[in-house]
Amino acid sequence: MHGLDAVRAVEDVAQENGYNIILCNTDEDPVKETQYLRVLMEKRVDGIILATTAASRQAGQQALGRMYARTEDRDQATTWATREAQYDAVCTWGIPDHALLQHLGAIGMPVFVANGDSDPMILPRYSYLLAGLIPQARVKIYPDSAHGFLFQHHAEFAADVQAFLTYAG
């Protein structure tokens, strides 16, 4: 499947479920990505898909299919206030505070840190940093995925969490 075919397939599934697609080409420029993310937040979009390879796009399409398959007993949509609070929390969290980071060493239980290898919001190196500061942390970086890695690698992620909980318990 070529890039435009993948976009068309995602758009078709989205429209069948009452959503529209907004395509933002950032050329992997972090400044453009930040600008687009701000605009998309202002427009109150329901979700963001970041794709760079055919496998990543295919996994994203499969995730959309799973998300829209359930029509009953769905979670309520988040409010704009909730989205703003999350955005503010992420921005605040991104301000370096080495004294606060040192507190992570006091966590006395096992911690599973997971991320996608192409996550532009939380770079994988920060996952390694976090895991390195927590004594019993285990880190797993999922290949060919971004911030939505757990949707793209849902079965592997679930198995990894189960294995972690079994081992940690």
Protein backbone atom coordinates (compact mmCIF):
# COMPACT_ATOMS: atom_id res chain seq x y z
CA MET A 1 0.00 0.00 0.00
CA HIS A 2 1.38 3.40 -0.95
CA GLY A 3 1.27 6.45 1.33
CA LEU A 4 -1.77 8.02 -0.31
CA ASP A 5 -3.59 4.69 -0.27
CA ALA A 6 -2.94 4.39 3.46
CA VAL A 7 -4.26 7.89 4.10
CA ARG A 8 -7.33 7.12 2.00
CA ALA A 9 -7.96 3.88 3.91
CA VAL A 10 -7.71 5.66 7.28
CA GLU A 11 -9.95 8.46 6.00
CA ASP A 12 -12.57 5.96 4.80
CA VAL A 13 -12.71 4.21 8.18
CA ALA A 14 -12.81 7.53 10.02
CA GLN A 15 -15.63 8.92 7.87
CA GLU A 16 -17.65 5.73 8.31
CA ASN A 17 -17.52 6.49 12.03
CA GLY A 18 -18.33 10.19 11.84
CA TYR A 19 -14.78 11.60 11.91
CA ASN A 20 -12.73 13.67 9.48
CA ILE A 21 -9.02 13.49 8.76
CA ILE A 22 -6.66 16.47 8.89
CA LEU A 23 -3.30 15.75 7.27
CA CYS A 24 -0.28 17.69 8.56
CA ASN A 25 3.09 17.13 6.88
CA THR A 26 5.88 18.16 9.24
CA ASP A 27 8.91 16.84 7.35
CA GLU A 28 10.08 15.58 10.78
CA ASP A 29 10.67 19.18 11.84
CA PRO A 30 10.07 19.48 15.63
CA VAL A 31 9.05 23.14 15.31
CA LYS A 32 6.41 22.30 12.70
CA GLU A 33 5.25 19.33 14.79
CA THR A 34 4.79 21.56 17.83
CA GLN A 35 2.90 24.16 15.78
CA TYR A 36 0.59 21.53 14.29
CA LEU A 37 -0.03 19.92 17.68
CA ARG A 38 -1.04 23.29 19.13
CA VAL A 39 -3.41 23.97 16.24
CA LEU A 40 -4.92 20.49 16.50
CA MET A 41 -5.44 20.95 20.24
CA GLU A 42 -7.12 24.32 19.60
CA LYS A 43 -9.41 22.65 17.07
CA ARG A 44 -10.27 20.01 19.68
CA VAL A 45 -9.39 17.04 17.53
CA ASP A 46 -10.37 13.63 18.88
CA GLY A 47 -7.07 11.95 18.10
CA ILE A 48 -3.71 12.16 16.38
CA ILE A 49 -2.00 9.47 14.29
CA LEU A 50 1.70 9.75 13.63
CA ALA A 51 2.99 7.39 10.94
CA THR A 52 6.33 7.09 9.21
CA THR A 53 6.47 3.61 7.66
CA ALA A 54 4.10 1.22 5.91
CA ALA A 55 4.12 -1.15 8.90
CA SER A 56 3.37 1.73 11.27
CA ARG A 57 0.52 2.93 9.07
CA GLN A 58 -0.92 -0.59 8.85
CA ALA A 59 -0.78 -0.97 12.63
CA GLY A 60 -2.52 2.40 12.97
CA GLN A 61 -5.29 1.30 10.61
CA GLN A 62 -5.77 -1.89 12.61
CA ALA A 63 -5.91 0.11 15.84
CA LEU A 64 -8.60 2.39 14.37
CA GLY A 65 -10.59 -0.66 13.36
CA ARG A 66 -10.41 -2.04 16.90
CA MET A 67 -11.33 1.33 18.44
CA TYR A 68 -14.41 1.78 16.30
CA ALA A 69 -15.51 -1.87 16.44
CA ARG A 70 -17.05 -1.43 19.88
CA THR A 71 -20.22 0.61 19.61
CA GLU A 72 -21.68 0.04 23.09
CA ASP A 73 -20.34 0.82 26.55
CA ARG A 74 -17.70 3.20 25.18
CA ASP A 75 -15.81 5.66 27.36
CA GLN A 76 -17.15 9.20 27.38
CA ALA A 77 -15.20 11.71 25.33
CA THR A 78 -12.84 13.89 27.30
CA THR A 79 -13.71 17.52 27.80
CA TRP A 80 -11.72 20.45 26.46
CA ALA A 81 -10.78 21.34 30.05
CA THR A 82 -9.35 17.85 30.53
CA ARG A 83 -7.30 18.15 27.35
CA GLU A 84 -5.97 21.56 28.38
CA ALA A 85 -5.03 20.23 31.83
CA GLN A 86 -3.16 17.31 30.25
CA TYR A 87 -1.34 19.64 27.86
CA ASP A 88 -0.37 21.96 30.73
CA ALA A 89 0.85 18.99 32.78
CA VAL A 90 3.01 17.75 29.91
CA CYS A 91 4.49 21.22 29.40
CA THR A 92 5.22 21.57 33.12
CA TRP A 93 6.70 18.08 33.28
CA GLY A 94 9.05 19.02 30.47
CA ILE A 95 10.76 21.69 32.57
CA PRO A 96 13.95 20.12 33.97
CA ASP A 97 14.10 19.87 37.75
CA HIS A 98 16.97 17.64 38.81
CA ALA A 99 15.99 17.76 42.49
CA LEU A 100 12.58 16.28 41.69
CA LEU A 101 14.13 13.64 39.45
CA GLN A 102 16.25 12.44 42.37
CA HIS A 103 13.05 11.54 44.25
CA LEU A 104 12.43 8.77 41.72
CA GLY A 105 15.16 6.74 43.42
CA ALA A 106 12.85 6.34 46.43
CA ILE A 107 10.34 4.27 44.45
CA GLY A 108 10.68 0.87 46.08
CA MET A 109 8.55 -1.23 43.77
CA PRO A 110 9.04 -2.58 40.25
CA VAL A 111 8.08 -0.16 37.46
CA PHE A 112 7.47 -0.92 33.79
CA VAL A 113 8.47 1.98 31.50
CA ALA A 114 7.25 1.65 27.90
CA ASN A 115 7.51 3.87 24.83
CA GLY A 116 7.64 3.90 21.05
CA ASP A 117 10.99 4.30 19.33
CA SER A 118 9.78 7.29 17.29
CA ASP A 119 7.74 9.12 19.94
CA PRO A 120 8.13 12.86 19.30
CA MET A 121 6.30 13.82 22.51
CA ILE A 122 8.31 11.72 24.97
CA LEU A 123 11.60 10.86 23.36
CA PRO A 124 12.81 7.30 24.05
CA ARG A 125 15.97 8.60 25.73
CA TYR A 126 13.74 10.02 28.48
CA SER A 127 12.23 6.59 29.02
CA TYR A 128 15.73 5.23 29.54
CA LEU A 129 16.51 8.16 31.85
CA LEU A 130 13.38 7.49 33.88
CA ALA A 131 14.13 3.77 34.10
CA GLY A 132 17.70 4.53 35.13
CA LEU A 133 16.52 6.64 38.05
CA ILE A 134 14.09 4.05 39.42
CA PRO A 135 15.91 1.14 41.12
CA GLN A 136 13.62 -1.69 39.96
CA ALA A 137 12.55 -0.30 36.60
CA ARG A 138 12.35 -2.29 33.41
CA VAL A 139 12.21 -0.42 30.08
CA LYS A 140 10.77 -1.61 26.78
CA ILE A 141 10.90 0.46 23.61
CA TYR A 142 8.53 -0.75 20.86
CA PRO A 143 9.85 -0.56 17.29
CA ASP A 144 8.39 1.44 14.42
CA SER A 145 5.92 3.29 16.61
CA ALA A 146 5.38 6.68 18.17
CA HIS A 147 3.24 7.92 21.06
CA GLY A 148 0.47 5.43 20.25
CA PHE A 149 2.76 2.39 20.52
CA LEU A 150 0.36 0.56 22.81
CA PHE A 151 -2.31 0.68 20.09
CA GLN A 152 0.08 -0.49 17.39
CA HIS A 153 1.64 -3.22 19.53
CA HIS A 154 -1.42 -3.97 21.66
CA ALA A 155 -0.95 -7.76 21.90
CA GLU A 156 2.79 -7.52 22.61
CA PHE A 157 2.23 -4.70 25.12
CA ALA A 158 -0.47 -6.68 26.94
CA ALA A 159 1.79 -9.74 27.07
CA ASP A 160 4.70 -7.62 28.32
CA VAL A 161 2.54 -6.06 31.06
CA GLN A 162 1.26 -9.51 32.06
CA ALA A 163 4.83 -10.87 32.20
CA PHE A 164 5.97 -7.85 34.19
CA LEU A 165 3.13 -8.19 36.71
CA THR A 166 3.78 -11.93 37.04
CA TYR A 167 7.49 -11.34 37.59
CA ALA A 168 6.98 -8.33 39.86
CA GLY A 169 4.34 -10.05 41.97
